[in-house]
Amino acid sequence: MSIEEIFKVTLDCCFRVHSSLGPGLLESAYEEAVYYELRKSGLFVEKQIPLPLIYKKVNLEIGYRIDLLVENVVIVEIKSIDQLADIHLAQILTYLKLSGCKLGLLVNFNVLHLKEGIRRVIL
């Protein structure tokens, strides 16, 4: 499966979750539901992956965590906030850089129409 196909399945799973649950829940609820949908779709997915920061050859365990990592190539960062801000884009860009992944999906589930809460992020 290509990275674009993985991304499309991931996006479809997010839409299914939002259609079913709607806005207003905690991020953790959406994360679990998307995790379930991705696994049900047959994709390999991990959640809450620790992401160390290497600074001058020192491994700093400072608490960065990838919400969902799909097929080891797509990072999904889930939010449930009023609106996405530049800092959220910076966060997923940092995760992409630190992980070596090239494609990310930033999703804010706290919107009426999910298309308004989606950002595709390419490194």
PDB file of N, CA and C in Angstrom:
ATOM      1  N   MET A   1       0.845  -1.179   0.000  1.00  0.00           N
ATOM      2  CA  MET A   1       0.000   0.000   0.000  1.00  0.00           C
ATOM      3  C   MET A   1       0.892   1.244   0.000  1.00  0.00           C
ATOM      4  N   SER A   2       0.598   2.198  -0.864  1.00  0.00           N
ATOM      5  CA  SER A   2       1.407   3.418  -0.937  1.00  0.00           C
ATOM      6  C   SER A   2       1.083   4.350   0.229  1.00  0.00           C
ATOM      7  N   ILE A   3       1.954   5.302   0.460  1.00  0.00           N
ATOM      8  CA  ILE A   3       1.728   6.263   1.540  1.00  0.00           C
ATOM      9  C   ILE A   3       0.451   7.072   1.292  1.00  0.00           C
ATOM     10  N   GLU A   4       0.147   7.357   0.038  1.00  0.00           N
ATOM     11  CA  GLU A   4      -1.081   8.097  -0.285  1.00  0.00           C
ATOM     12  C   GLU A   4      -2.324   7.265   0.008  1.00  0.00           C
ATOM     13  N   GLU A   5      -2.255   5.977  -0.256  1.00  0.00           N
ATOM     14  CA  GLU A   5      -3.384   5.089   0.054  1.00  0.00           C
ATOM     15  C   GLU A   5      -3.576   4.977   1.564  1.00  0.00           C
ATOM     16  N   ILE A   6      -2.474   4.885   2.292  1.00  0.00           N
ATOM     17  CA  ILE A   6      -2.526   4.843   3.753  1.00  0.00           C
ATOM     18  C   ILE A   6      -3.143   6.125   4.284  1.00  0.00           C
ATOM     19  N   PHE A   7      -2.724   7.258   3.717  1.00  0.00           N
ATOM     20  CA  PHE A   7      -3.259   8.548   4.138  1.00  0.00           C
ATOM     21  C   PHE A   7      -4.760   8.607   3.885  1.00  0.00           C
ATOM     22  N   LYS A   8      -5.206   8.153   2.719  1.00  0.00           N
ATOM     23  CA  LYS A   8      -6.635   8.207   2.383  1.00  0.00           C
ATOM     24  C   LYS A   8      -7.462   7.344   3.329  1.00  0.00           C
ATOM     25  N   VAL A   9      -6.995   6.141   3.627  1.00  0.00           N
ATOM     26  CA  VAL A   9      -7.712   5.279   4.572  1.00  0.00           C
ATOM     27  C   VAL A   9      -7.767   5.945   5.943  1.00  0.00           C
ATOM     28  N   THR A  10      -6.670   6.549   6.357  1.00  0.00           N
ATOM     29  CA  THR A  10      -6.617   7.244   7.645  1.00  0.00           C
ATOM     30  C   THR A  10      -7.615   8.383   7.676  1.00  0.00           C
ATOM     31  N   LEU A  11      -7.654   9.165   6.625  1.00  0.00           N
ATOM     32  CA  LEU A  11      -8.594  10.268   6.527  1.00  0.00           C
ATOM     33  C   LEU A  11     -10.037   9.766   6.564  1.00  0.00           C
ATOM     34  N   ASP A  12     -10.315   8.710   5.834  1.00  0.00           N
ATOM     35  CA  ASP A  12     -11.660   8.121   5.833  1.00  0.00           C
ATOM     36  C   ASP A  12     -12.067   7.667   7.235  1.00  0.00           C
ATOM     37  N   CYS A  13     -11.126   7.091   7.968  1.00  0.00           N
ATOM     38  CA  CYS A  13     -11.412   6.659   9.340  1.00  0.00           C
ATOM     39  C   CYS A  13     -11.761   7.853  10.225  1.00  0.00           C
ATOM     40  N   CYS A  14     -11.040   8.954  10.050  1.00  0.00           N
ATOM     41  CA  CYS A  14     -11.330  10.166  10.826  1.00  0.00           C
ATOM     42  C   CYS A  14     -12.729  10.686  10.515  1.00  0.00           C
ATOM     43  N   PHE A  15     -13.099  10.670   9.252  1.00  0.00           N
ATOM     44  CA  PHE A  15     -14.439  11.121   8.863  1.00  0.00           C
ATOM     45  C   PHE A  15     -15.519  10.210   9.465  1.00  0.00           C
ATOM     46  N   ARG A  16     -15.280   8.899   9.474  1.00  0.00           N
ATOM     47  CA  ARG A  16     -16.251   7.970  10.068  1.00  0.00           C
ATOM     48  C   ARG A  16     -16.445   8.260  11.553  1.00  0.00           C
ATOM     49  N   VAL A  17     -15.337   8.492  12.238  1.00  0.00           N
ATOM     50  CA  VAL A  17     -15.408   8.776  13.680  1.00  0.00           C
ATOM     51  C   VAL A  17     -16.174  10.070  13.920  1.00  0.00           C
ATOM     52  N   HIS A  18     -15.851  11.107  13.163  1.00  0.00           N
ATOM     53  CA  HIS A  18     -16.529  12.392  13.369  1.00  0.00           C
ATOM     54  C   HIS A  18     -18.010  12.292  13.028  1.00  0.00           C
ATOM     55  N   SER A  19     -18.341  11.563  11.970  1.00  0.00           N
ATOM     56  CA  SER A  19     -19.753  11.387  11.592  1.00  0.00           C
ATOM     57  C   SER A  19     -20.526  10.675  12.699  1.00  0.00           C
ATOM     58  N   SER A  20     -19.864   9.740  13.361  1.00  0.00           N
ATOM     59  CA  SER A  20     -20.523   8.969  14.403  1.00  0.00           C
ATOM     60  C   SER A  20     -20.589   9.708  15.741  1.00  0.00           C
ATOM     61  N   LEU A  21     -19.488  10.325  16.144  1.00  0.00           N
ATOM     62  CA  LEU A  21     -19.405  10.942  17.475  1.00  0.00           C
ATOM     63  C   LEU A  21     -19.709  12.438  17.495  1.00  0.00           C
ATOM     64  N   GLY A  22     -19.422  13.131  16.393  1.00  0.00           N
ATOM     65  CA  GLY A  22     -19.614  14.582  16.366  1.00  0.00           C
ATOM     66  C   GLY A  22     -18.584  15.296  17.221  1.00  0.00           C
ATOM     67  N   PRO A  23     -18.695  16.622  17.315  1.00  0.00           N
ATOM     68  CA  PRO A  23     -17.746  17.412  18.114  1.00  0.00           C
ATOM     69  C   PRO A  23     -18.095  17.368  19.603  1.00  0.00           C
ATOM     70  N   GLY A  24     -17.157  17.849  20.432  1.00  0.00           N
ATOM     71  CA  GLY A  24     -17.440  18.071  21.843  1.00  0.00           C
ATOM     72  C   GLY A  24     -16.863  17.074  22.821  1.00  0.00           C
ATOM     73  N   LEU A  25     -16.175  16.053  22.333  1.00  0.00           N
ATOM     74  CA  LEU A  25     -15.585  15.074  23.236  1.00  0.00           C
ATOM     75  C   LEU A  25     -14.115  15.401  23.502  1.00  0.00           C
ATOM     76  N   LEU A  26     -13.510  14.662  24.403  1.00  0.00           N
ATOM     77  CA  LEU A  26     -12.084  14.822  24.687  1.00  0.00           C
ATOM     78  C   LEU A  26     -11.248  14.201  23.572  1.00  0.00           C
ATOM     79  N   GLU A  27     -10.021  14.704  23.429  1.00  0.00           N
ATOM     80  CA  GLU A  27      -9.094  14.155  22.430  1.00  0.00           C
ATOM     81  C   GLU A  27      -8.916  12.650  22.602  1.00  0.00           C
ATOM     82  N   SER A  28      -8.844  12.198  23.836  1.00  0.00           N
ATOM     83  CA  SER A  28      -8.605  10.777  24.093  1.00  0.00           C
ATOM     84  C   SER A  28      -9.725   9.902  23.521  1.00  0.00           C
ATOM     85  N   ALA A  29     -10.943  10.384  23.529  1.00  0.00           N
ATOM     86  CA  ALA A  29     -12.059   9.614  22.964  1.00  0.00           C
ATOM     87  C   ALA A  29     -11.899   9.478  21.454  1.00  0.00           C
ATOM     88  N   TYR A  30     -11.558  10.577  20.796  1.00  0.00           N
ATOM     89  CA  TYR A  30     -11.354  10.526  19.344  1.00  0.00           C
ATOM     90  C   TYR A  30     -10.157   9.654  18.995  1.00  0.00           C
ATOM     91  N   GLU A  31      -9.104   9.752  19.783  1.00  0.00           N
ATOM     92  CA  GLU A  31      -7.913   8.947  19.528  1.00  0.00           C
ATOM     93  C   GLU A  31      -8.249   7.462  19.581  1.00  0.00           C
ATOM     94  N   GLU A  32      -8.966   7.040  20.595  1.00  0.00           N
ATOM     95  CA  GLU A  32      -9.334   5.627  20.721  1.00  0.00           C
ATOM     96  C   GLU A  32     -10.237   5.185  19.573  1.00  0.00           C
ATOM     97  N   ALA A  33     -11.180   6.043  19.182  1.00  0.00           N
ATOM     98  CA  ALA A  33     -12.103   5.687  18.103  1.00  0.00           C
ATOM     99  C   ALA A  33     -11.378   5.593  16.758  1.00  0.00           C
ATOM    100  N   VAL A  34     -10.473   6.537  16.482  1.00  0.00           N
ATOM    101  CA  VAL A  34      -9.705   6.484  15.234  1.00  0.00           C
ATOM    102  C   VAL A  34      -8.781   5.277  15.247  1.00  0.00           C
ATOM    103  N   TYR A  35      -8.157   5.011  16.373  1.00  0.00           N
ATOM    104  CA  TYR A  35      -7.306   3.824  16.523  1.00  0.00           C
ATOM    105  C   TYR A  35      -8.105   2.563  16.182  1.00  0.00           C
ATOM    106  N   TYR A  36      -9.310   2.458  16.727  1.00  0.00           N
ATOM    107  CA  TYR A  36     -10.180   1.317  16.445  1.00  0.00           C
ATOM    108  C   TYR A  36     -10.487   1.199  14.953  1.00  0.00           C
ATOM    109  N   GLU A  37     -10.874   2.321  14.339  1.00  0.00           N
ATOM    110  CA  GLU A  37     -11.232   2.313  12.915  1.00  0.00           C
ATOM    111  C   GLU A  37     -10.031   1.934  12.033  1.00  0.00           C
ATOM    112  N   LEU A  38      -8.864   2.445  12.366  1.00  0.00           N
ATOM    113  CA  LEU A  38      -7.667   2.127  11.586  1.00  0.00           C
ATOM    114  C   LEU A  38      -7.340   0.640  11.673  1.00  0.00           C
ATOM    115  N   ARG A  39      -7.403   0.093  12.862  1.00  0.00           N
ATOM    116  CA  ARG A  39      -7.138  -1.344  13.030  1.00  0.00           C
ATOM    117  C   ARG A  39      -8.187  -2.165  12.303  1.00  0.00           C
ATOM    118  N   LYS A  40      -9.436  -1.735  12.393  1.00  0.00           N
ATOM    119  CA  LYS A  40     -10.520  -2.431  11.699  1.00  0.00           C
ATOM    120  C   LYS A  40     -10.308  -2.409  10.184  1.00  0.00           C
ATOM    121  N   SER A  41      -9.658  -1.347   9.694  1.00  0.00           N
ATOM    122  CA  SER A  41      -9.362  -1.224   8.267  1.00  0.00           C
ATOM    123  C   SER A  41      -8.176  -2.077   7.836  1.00  0.00           C
ATOM    124  N   GLY A  42      -7.532  -2.720   8.789  1.00  0.00           N
ATOM    125  CA  GLY A  42      -6.426  -3.609   8.475  1.00  0.00           C
ATOM    126  C   GLY A  42      -5.060  -2.951   8.486  1.00  0.00           C
ATOM    127  N   LEU A  43      -4.982  -1.710   8.946  1.00  0.00           N
ATOM    128  CA  LEU A  43      -3.703  -1.016   8.994  1.00  0.00           C
ATOM    129  C   LEU A  43      -3.002  -1.264  10.332  1.00  0.00           C
ATOM    130  N   PHE A  44      -1.681  -1.253  10.289  1.00  0.00           N
ATOM    131  CA  PHE A  44      -0.887  -1.339  11.508  1.00  0.00           C
ATOM    132  C   PHE A  44      -0.819   0.056  12.104  1.00  0.00           C
ATOM    133  N   VAL A  45      -1.240   0.188  13.339  1.00  0.00           N
ATOM    134  CA  VAL A  45      -1.258   1.502  13.977  1.00  0.00           C
ATOM    135  C   VAL A  45      -0.805   1.371  15.422  1.00  0.00           C
ATOM    136  N   GLU A  46      -0.017   2.354  15.847  1.00  0.00           N
ATOM    137  CA  GLU A  46       0.427   2.430  17.236  1.00  0.00           C
ATOM    138  C   GLU A  46      -0.039   3.760  17.802  1.00  0.00           C
ATOM    139  N   LYS A  47      -0.280   3.774  19.107  1.00  0.00           N
ATOM    140  CA  LYS A  47      -0.732   5.021  19.727  1.00  0.00           C
ATOM    141  C   LYS A  47       0.192   5.435  20.862  1.00  0.00           C
ATOM    142  N   GLN A  48       0.244   6.744  21.074  1.00  0.00           N
ATOM    143  CA  GLN A  48       1.049   7.354  22.133  1.00  0.00           C
ATOM    144  C   GLN A  48       2.494   6.869  22.095  1.00  0.00           C
ATOM    145  N   ILE A  49       3.113   7.034  20.939  1.00  0.00           N
ATOM    146  CA  ILE A  49       4.495   6.610  20.725  1.00  0.00           C
ATOM    147  C   ILE A  49       5.446   7.658  21.318  1.00  0.00           C
ATOM    148  N   PRO A  50       6.296   7.271  22.266  1.00  0.00           N
ATOM    149  CA  PRO A  50       7.274   8.230  22.802  1.00  0.00           C
ATOM    150  C   PRO A  50       8.225   8.693  21.709  1.00  0.00           C
ATOM    151  N   LEU A  51       8.532   9.967  21.726  1.00  0.00           N
ATOM    152  CA  LEU A  51       9.405  10.545  20.710  1.00  0.00           C
ATOM    153  C   LEU A  51      10.516  11.330  21.415  1.00  0.00           C
ATOM    154  N   PRO A  52      11.692  10.714  21.545  1.00  0.00           N
ATOM    155  CA  PRO A  52      12.785  11.400  22.243  1.00  0.00           C
ATOM    156  C   PRO A  52      13.378  12.525  21.390  1.00  0.00           C
ATOM    157  N   LEU A  53      13.975  13.444  22.053  1.00  0.00           N
ATOM    158  CA  LEU A  53      14.688  14.531  21.400  1.00  0.00           C
ATOM    159  C   LEU A  53      16.178  14.291  21.617  1.00  0.00           C
ATOM    160  N   ILE A  54      16.918  14.226  20.526  1.00  0.00           N
ATOM    161  CA  ILE A  54      18.371  14.056  20.617  1.00  0.00           C
ATOM    162  C   ILE A  54      19.003  15.440  20.506  1.00  0.00           C
ATOM    163  N   TYR A  55      19.690  15.837  21.564  1.00  0.00           N
ATOM    164  CA  TYR A  55      20.345  17.145  21.591  1.00  0.00           C
ATOM    165  C   TYR A  55      21.816  16.925  21.896  1.00  0.00           C
ATOM    166  N   LYS A  56      22.678  17.285  20.951  1.00  0.00           N
ATOM    167  CA  LYS A  56      24.127  17.116  21.107  1.00  0.00           C
ATOM    168  C   LYS A  56      24.476  15.697  21.567  1.00  0.00           C
ATOM    169  N   LYS A  57      23.888  14.730  20.865  1.00  0.00           N
ATOM    170  CA  LYS A  57      24.114  13.307  21.106  1.00  0.00           C
ATOM    171  C   LYS A  57      23.594  12.820  22.454  1.00  0.00           C
ATOM    172  N   VAL A  58      22.738  13.614  23.093  1.00  0.00           N
ATOM    173  CA  VAL A  58      22.126  13.217  24.358  1.00  0.00           C
ATOM    174  C   VAL A  58      20.643  12.984  24.116  1.00  0.00           C
ATOM    175  N   ASN A  59      20.168  11.823  24.537  1.00  0.00           N
ATOM    176  CA  ASN A  59      18.765  11.475  24.386  1.00  0.00           C
ATOM    177  C   ASN A  59      17.968  12.125  25.521  1.00  0.00           C
ATOM    178  N   LEU A  60      17.142  13.103  25.186  1.00  0.00           N
ATOM    179  CA  LEU A  60      16.334  13.795  26.179  1.00  0.00           C
ATOM    180  C   LEU A  60      14.919  13.226  26.169  1.00  0.00           C
ATOM    181  N   GLU A  61      14.537  12.576  27.231  1.00  0.00           N
ATOM    182  CA  GLU A  61      13.172  12.045  27.362  1.00  0.00           C
ATOM    183  C   GLU A  61      12.318  13.154  27.972  1.00  0.00           C
ATOM    184  N   ILE A  62      11.674  13.931  27.111  1.00  0.00           N
ATOM    185  CA  ILE A  62      10.945  15.095  27.620  1.00  0.00           C
ATOM    186  C   ILE A  62       9.439  15.012  27.423  1.00  0.00           C
ATOM    187  N   GLY A  63       8.938  13.865  27.058  1.00  0.00           N
ATOM    188  CA  GLY A  63       7.501  13.675  27.050  1.00  0.00           C
ATOM    189  C   GLY A  63       6.783  13.900  25.738  1.00  0.00           C
ATOM    190  N   TYR A  64       7.507  14.069  24.623  1.00  0.00           N
ATOM    191  CA  TYR A  64       6.820  14.158  23.340  1.00  0.00           C
ATOM    192  C   TYR A  64       6.207  12.805  23.012  1.00  0.00           C
ATOM    193  N   ARG A  65       4.975  12.828  22.508  1.00  0.00           N
ATOM    194  CA  ARG A  65       4.290  11.588  22.149  1.00  0.00           C
ATOM    195  C   ARG A  65       3.493  11.797  20.869  1.00  0.00           C
ATOM    196  N   ILE A  66       3.650  10.870  19.955  1.00  0.00           N
ATOM    197  CA  ILE A  66       2.855  10.866  18.731  1.00  0.00           C
ATOM    198  C   ILE A  66       1.513  10.220  19.069  1.00  0.00           C
ATOM    199  N   ASP A  67       0.416  10.905  18.756  1.00  0.00           N
ATOM    200  CA  ASP A  67      -0.900  10.344  19.060  1.00  0.00           C
ATOM    201  C   ASP A  67      -1.085   9.002  18.358  1.00  0.00           C
ATOM    202  N   LEU A  68      -0.994   8.999  17.029  1.00  0.00           N
ATOM    203  CA  LEU A  68      -1.140   7.772  16.259  1.00  0.00           C
ATOM    204  C   LEU A  68      -0.073   7.730  15.164  1.00  0.00           C
ATOM    205  N   LEU A  69       0.522   6.571  14.990  1.00  0.00           N
ATOM    206  CA  LEU A  69       1.480   6.345  13.914  1.00  0.00           C
ATOM    207  C   LEU A  69       0.940   5.203  13.066  1.00  0.00           C
ATOM    208  N   VAL A  70       0.616   5.515  11.819  1.00  0.00           N
ATOM    209  CA  VAL A  70      -0.040   4.555  10.936  1.00  0.00           C
ATOM    210  C   VAL A  70       0.976   3.972   9.952  1.00  0.00           C
ATOM    211  N   GLU A  71       1.111   2.640   9.986  1.00  0.00           N
ATOM    212  CA  GLU A  71       2.014   1.922   9.087  1.00  0.00           C
ATOM    213  C   GLU A  71       3.443   2.478   9.117  1.00  0.00           C
ATOM    214  N   ASN A  72       3.819   3.085  10.222  1.00  0.00           N
ATOM    215  CA  ASN A  72       5.150   3.674  10.417  1.00  0.00           C
ATOM    216  C   ASN A  72       5.486   4.779   9.415  1.00  0.00           C
ATOM    217  N   VAL A  73       4.470   5.351   8.750  1.00  0.00           N
ATOM    218  CA  VAL A  73       4.739   6.389   7.753  1.00  0.00           C
ATOM    219  C   VAL A  73       3.863   7.643   7.883  1.00  0.00           C
ATOM    220  N   VAL A  74       2.720   7.549   8.532  1.00  0.00           N
ATOM    221  CA  VAL A  74       1.822   8.703   8.662  1.00  0.00           C
ATOM    222  C   VAL A  74       1.586   8.994  10.142  1.00  0.00           C
ATOM    223  N   ILE A  75       1.879  10.219  10.538  1.00  0.00           N
ATOM    224  CA  ILE A  75       1.626  10.667  11.904  1.00  0.00           C
ATOM    225  C   ILE A  75       0.261  11.349  11.946  1.00  0.00           C
ATOM    226  N   VAL A  76      -0.546  10.970  12.934  1.00  0.00           N
ATOM    227  CA  VAL A  76      -1.844  11.611  13.130  1.00  0.00           C
ATOM    228  C   VAL A  76      -1.820  12.299  14.480  1.00  0.00           C
ATOM    229  N   GLU A  77      -2.027  13.598  14.468  1.00  0.00           N
ATOM    230  CA  GLU A  77      -2.096  14.394  15.692  1.00  0.00           C
ATOM    231  C   GLU A  77      -3.548  14.829  15.865  1.00  0.00           C
ATOM    232  N   ILE A  78      -4.153  14.408  16.949  1.00  0.00           N
ATOM    233  CA  ILE A  78      -5.575  14.650  17.199  1.00  0.00           C
ATOM    234  C   ILE A  78      -5.755  15.778  18.196  1.00  0.00           C
ATOM    235  N   LYS A  79      -6.685  16.664  17.859  1.00  0.00           N
ATOM    236  CA  LYS A  79      -7.036  17.786  18.722  1.00  0.00           C
ATOM    237  C   LYS A  79      -8.547  17.835  18.893  1.00  0.00           C
ATOM    238  N   SER A  80      -8.980  18.451  19.975  1.00  0.00           N
ATOM    239  CA  SER A  80     -10.388  18.765  20.190  1.00  0.00           C
ATOM    240  C   SER A  80     -10.426  20.144  20.855  1.00  0.00           C
ATOM    241  N   ILE A  81     -10.255  21.167  20.022  1.00  0.00           N
ATOM    242  CA  ILE A  81     -10.085  22.540  20.488  1.00  0.00           C
ATOM    243  C   ILE A  81     -10.963  23.478  19.661  1.00  0.00           C
ATOM    244  N   ASP A  82     -11.028  24.743  20.080  1.00  0.00           N
ATOM    245  CA  ASP A  82     -11.857  25.712  19.357  1.00  0.00           C
ATOM    246  C   ASP A  82     -11.418  25.865  17.914  1.00  0.00           C
ATOM    247  N   GLN A  83     -10.118  26.011  17.698  1.00  0.00           N
ATOM    248  CA  GLN A  83      -9.597  26.076  16.333  1.00  0.00           C
ATOM    249  C   GLN A  83      -8.105  25.804  16.336  1.00  0.00           C
ATOM    250  N   LEU A  84      -7.630  25.281  15.204  1.00  0.00           N
ATOM    251  CA  LEU A  84      -6.204  25.010  15.060  1.00  0.00           C
ATOM    252  C   LEU A  84      -5.436  26.322  14.985  1.00  0.00           C
ATOM    253  N   ALA A  85      -4.240  26.319  15.548  1.00  0.00           N
ATOM    254  CA  ALA A  85      -3.378  27.499  15.535  1.00  0.00           C
ATOM    255  C   ALA A  85      -2.023  27.117  14.951  1.00  0.00           C
ATOM    256  N   ASP A  86      -1.216  28.117  14.689  1.00  0.00           N
ATOM    257  CA  ASP A  86       0.119  27.882  14.136  1.00  0.00           C
ATOM    258  C   ASP A  86       0.958  26.961  15.020  1.00  0.00           C
ATOM    259  N   ILE A  87       0.764  27.028  16.330  1.00  0.00           N
ATOM    260  CA  ILE A  87       1.543  26.194  17.245  1.00  0.00           C
ATOM    261  C   ILE A  87       1.245  24.705  17.042  1.00  0.00           C
ATOM    262  N   HIS A  88       0.027  24.381  16.634  1.00  0.00           N
ATOM    263  CA  HIS A  88      -0.330  22.984  16.374  1.00  0.00           C
ATOM    264  C   HIS A  88       0.351  22.485  15.108  1.00  0.00           C
ATOM    265  N   LEU A  89       0.442  23.350  14.121  1.00  0.00           N
ATOM    266  CA  LEU A  89       1.179  23.007  12.904  1.00  0.00           C
ATOM    267  C   LEU A  89       2.666  22.820  13.231  1.00  0.00           C
ATOM    268  N   ALA A  90       3.208  23.703  14.049  1.00  0.00           N
ATOM    269  CA  ALA A  90       4.608  23.586  14.458  1.00  0.00           C
ATOM    270  C   ALA A  90       4.843  22.277  15.204  1.00  0.00           C
ATOM    271  N   GLN A  91       3.887  21.869  16.025  1.00  0.00           N
ATOM    272  CA  GLN A  91       4.011  20.619  16.788  1.00  0.00           C
ATOM    273  C   GLN A  91       4.122  19.420  15.856  1.00  0.00           C
ATOM    274  N   ILE A  92       3.242  19.316  14.885  1.00  0.00           N
ATOM    275  CA  ILE A  92       3.288  18.146  14.004  1.00  0.00           C
ATOM    276  C   ILE A  92       4.508  18.198  13.091  1.00  0.00           C
ATOM    277  N   LEU A  93       4.935  19.387  12.696  1.00  0.00           N
ATOM    278  CA  LEU A  93       6.171  19.505  11.915  1.00  0.00           C
ATOM    279  C   LEU A  93       7.367  19.007  12.721  1.00  0.00           C
ATOM    280  N   THR A  94       7.408  19.346  13.999  1.00  0.00           N
ATOM    281  CA  THR A  94       8.476  18.869  14.874  1.00  0.00           C
ATOM    282  C   THR A  94       8.442  17.354  14.988  1.00  0.00           C
ATOM    283  N   TYR A  95       7.258  16.792  15.146  1.00  0.00           N
ATOM    284  CA  TYR A  95       7.132  15.338  15.231  1.00  0.00           C
ATOM    285  C   TYR A  95       7.598  14.674  13.947  1.00  0.00           C
ATOM    286  N   LEU A  96       7.271  15.264  12.812  1.00  0.00           N
ATOM    287  CA  LEU A  96       7.728  14.715  11.531  1.00  0.00           C
ATOM    288  C   LEU A  96       9.251  14.738  11.459  1.00  0.00           C
ATOM    289  N   LYS A  97       9.858  15.851  11.832  1.00  0.00           N
ATOM    290  CA  LYS A  97      11.312  15.971  11.792  1.00  0.00           C
ATOM    291  C   LYS A  97      11.988  14.968  12.724  1.00  0.00           C
ATOM    292  N   LEU A  98      11.491  14.867  13.947  1.00  0.00           N
ATOM    293  CA  LEU A  98      12.116  13.987  14.935  1.00  0.00           C
ATOM    294  C   LEU A  98      11.930  12.507  14.609  1.00  0.00           C
ATOM    295  N   SER A  99      10.829  12.175  13.963  1.00  0.00           N
ATOM    296  CA  SER A  99      10.527  10.772  13.673  1.00  0.00           C
ATOM    297  C   SER A  99      11.083  10.291  12.342  1.00  0.00           C
ATOM    298  N   GLY A 100      11.356  11.219  11.444  1.00  0.00           N
ATOM    299  CA  GLY A 100      11.794  10.838  10.108  1.00  0.00           C
ATOM    300  C   GLY A 100      10.637  10.571   9.150  1.00  0.00           C
ATOM    301  N   CYS A 101       9.412  10.727   9.612  1.00  0.00           N
ATOM    302  CA  CYS A 101       8.250  10.573   8.734  1.00  0.00           C
ATOM    303  C   CYS A 101       8.110  11.824   7.860  1.00  0.00           C
ATOM    304  N   LYS A 102       7.438  11.666   6.739  1.00  0.00           N
ATOM    305  CA  LYS A 102       7.293  12.778   5.793  1.00  0.00           C
ATOM    306  C   LYS A 102       5.869  13.300   5.664  1.00  0.00           C
ATOM    307  N   LEU A 103       4.886  12.554   6.194  1.00  0.00           N
ATOM    308  CA  LEU A 103       3.488  12.936   6.009  1.00  0.00           C
ATOM    309  C   LEU A 103       2.740  12.875   7.332  1.00  0.00           C
ATOM    310  N   GLY A 104       1.996  13.950   7.612  1.00  0.00           N
ATOM    311  CA  GLY A 104       1.227  14.014   8.848  1.00  0.00           C
ATOM    312  C   GLY A 104      -0.185  14.490   8.594  1.00  0.00           C
ATOM    313  N   LEU A 105      -1.050  14.174   9.529  1.00  0.00           N
ATOM    314  CA  LEU A 105      -2.440  14.598   9.487  1.00  0.00           C
ATOM    315  C   LEU A 105      -2.775  15.224  10.827  1.00  0.00           C
ATOM    316  N   LEU A 106      -3.102  16.502  10.792  1.00  0.00           N
ATOM    317  CA  LEU A 106      -3.512  17.238  11.978  1.00  0.00           C
ATOM    318  C   LEU A 106      -5.025  17.355  11.917  1.00  0.00           C
ATOM    319  N   VAL A 107      -5.724  16.813  12.917  1.00  0.00           N
ATOM    320  CA  VAL A 107      -7.180  16.752  12.876  1.00  0.00           C
ATOM    321  C   VAL A 107      -7.775  17.356  14.140  1.00  0.00           C
ATOM    322  N   ASN A 108      -8.608  18.375  13.964  1.00  0.00           N
ATOM    323  CA  ASN A 108      -9.372  18.952  15.065  1.00  0.00           C
ATOM    324  C   ASN A 108     -10.807  18.442  14.964  1.00  0.00           C
ATOM    325  N   PHE A 109     -11.208  17.610  15.901  1.00  0.00           N
ATOM    326  CA  PHE A 109     -12.546  17.014  15.875  1.00  0.00           C
ATOM    327  C   PHE A 109     -13.616  17.941  16.452  1.00  0.00           C
ATOM    328  N   ASN A 110     -13.224  19.048  17.035  1.00  0.00           N
ATOM    329  CA  ASN A 110     -14.190  19.943  17.675  1.00  0.00           C
ATOM    330  C   ASN A 110     -14.725  20.987  16.688  1.00  0.00           C
ATOM    331  N   VAL A 111     -15.204  20.517  15.547  1.00  0.00           N
ATOM    332  CA  VAL A 111     -15.773  21.376  14.505  1.00  0.00           C
ATOM    333  C   VAL A 111     -17.059  20.721  14.006  1.00  0.00           C
ATOM    334  N   LEU A 112     -17.946  21.533  13.424  1.00  0.00           N
ATOM    335  CA  LEU A 112     -19.199  20.982  12.904  1.00  0.00           C
ATOM    336  C   LEU A 112     -18.967  20.111  11.679  1.00  0.00           C
ATOM    337  N   HIS A 113     -18.086  20.562  10.789  1.00  0.00           N
ATOM    338  CA  HIS A 113     -17.761  19.827   9.572  1.00  0.00           C
ATOM    339  C   HIS A 113     -16.271  19.509   9.607  1.00  0.00           C
ATOM    340  N   LEU A 114     -15.942  18.236   9.609  1.00  0.00           N
ATOM    341  CA  LEU A 114     -14.551  17.829   9.820  1.00  0.00           C
ATOM    342  C   LEU A 114     -13.598  18.414   8.790  1.00  0.00           C
ATOM    343  N   LYS A 115     -14.052  18.648   7.573  1.00  0.00           N
ATOM    344  CA  LYS A 115     -13.159  19.205   6.549  1.00  0.00           C
ATOM    345  C   LYS A 115     -12.562  20.542   6.997  1.00  0.00           C
ATOM    346  N   GLU A 116     -13.240  21.243   7.913  1.00  0.00           N
ATOM    347  CA  GLU A 116     -12.733  22.511   8.438  1.00  0.00           C
ATOM    348  C   GLU A 116     -11.636  22.305   9.483  1.00  0.00           C
ATOM    349  N   GLY A 117     -11.494  21.086   9.982  1.00  0.00           N
ATOM    350  CA  GLY A 117     -10.520  20.814  11.039  1.00  0.00           C
ATOM    351  C   GLY A 117      -9.359  19.953  10.596  1.00  0.00           C
ATOM    352  N   ILE A 118      -9.158  19.824   9.291  1.00  0.00           N
ATOM    353  CA  ILE A 118      -8.108  18.930   8.775  1.00  0.00           C
ATOM    354  C   ILE A 118      -6.982  19.713   8.129  1.00  0.00           C
ATOM    355  N   ARG A 119      -5.764  19.338   8.476  1.00  0.00           N
ATOM    356  CA  ARG A 119      -4.572  19.886   7.822  1.00  0.00           C
ATOM    357  C   ARG A 119      -3.658  18.733   7.437  1.00  0.00           C
ATOM    358  N   ARG A 120      -3.364  18.649   6.170  1.00  0.00           N
ATOM    359  CA  ARG A 120      -2.367  17.685   5.681  1.00  0.00           C
ATOM    360  C   ARG A 120      -1.018  18.377   5.782  1.00  0.00           C
ATOM    361  N   VAL A 121      -0.048  17.699   6.377  1.00  0.00           N
ATOM    362  CA  VAL A 121       1.254  18.317   6.610  1.00  0.00           C
ATOM    363  C   VAL A 121       2.337  17.446   5.979  1.00  0.00           C
ATOM    364  N   ILE A 122       3.114  18.070   5.082  1.00  0.00           N
ATOM    365  CA  ILE A 122       4.184  17.364   4.384  1.00  0.00           C
ATOM    366  C   ILE A 122       5.513  18.000   4.766  1.00  0.00           C
ATOM    367  N   LEU A 123       6.480  17.160   5.062  1.00  0.00           N
ATOM    368  CA  LEU A 123       7.809  17.661   5.410  1.00  0.00           C
ATOM    369  C   LEU A 123       8.694  17.613   4.192  1.00  0.00           C
TER     370      LEU A 123
END
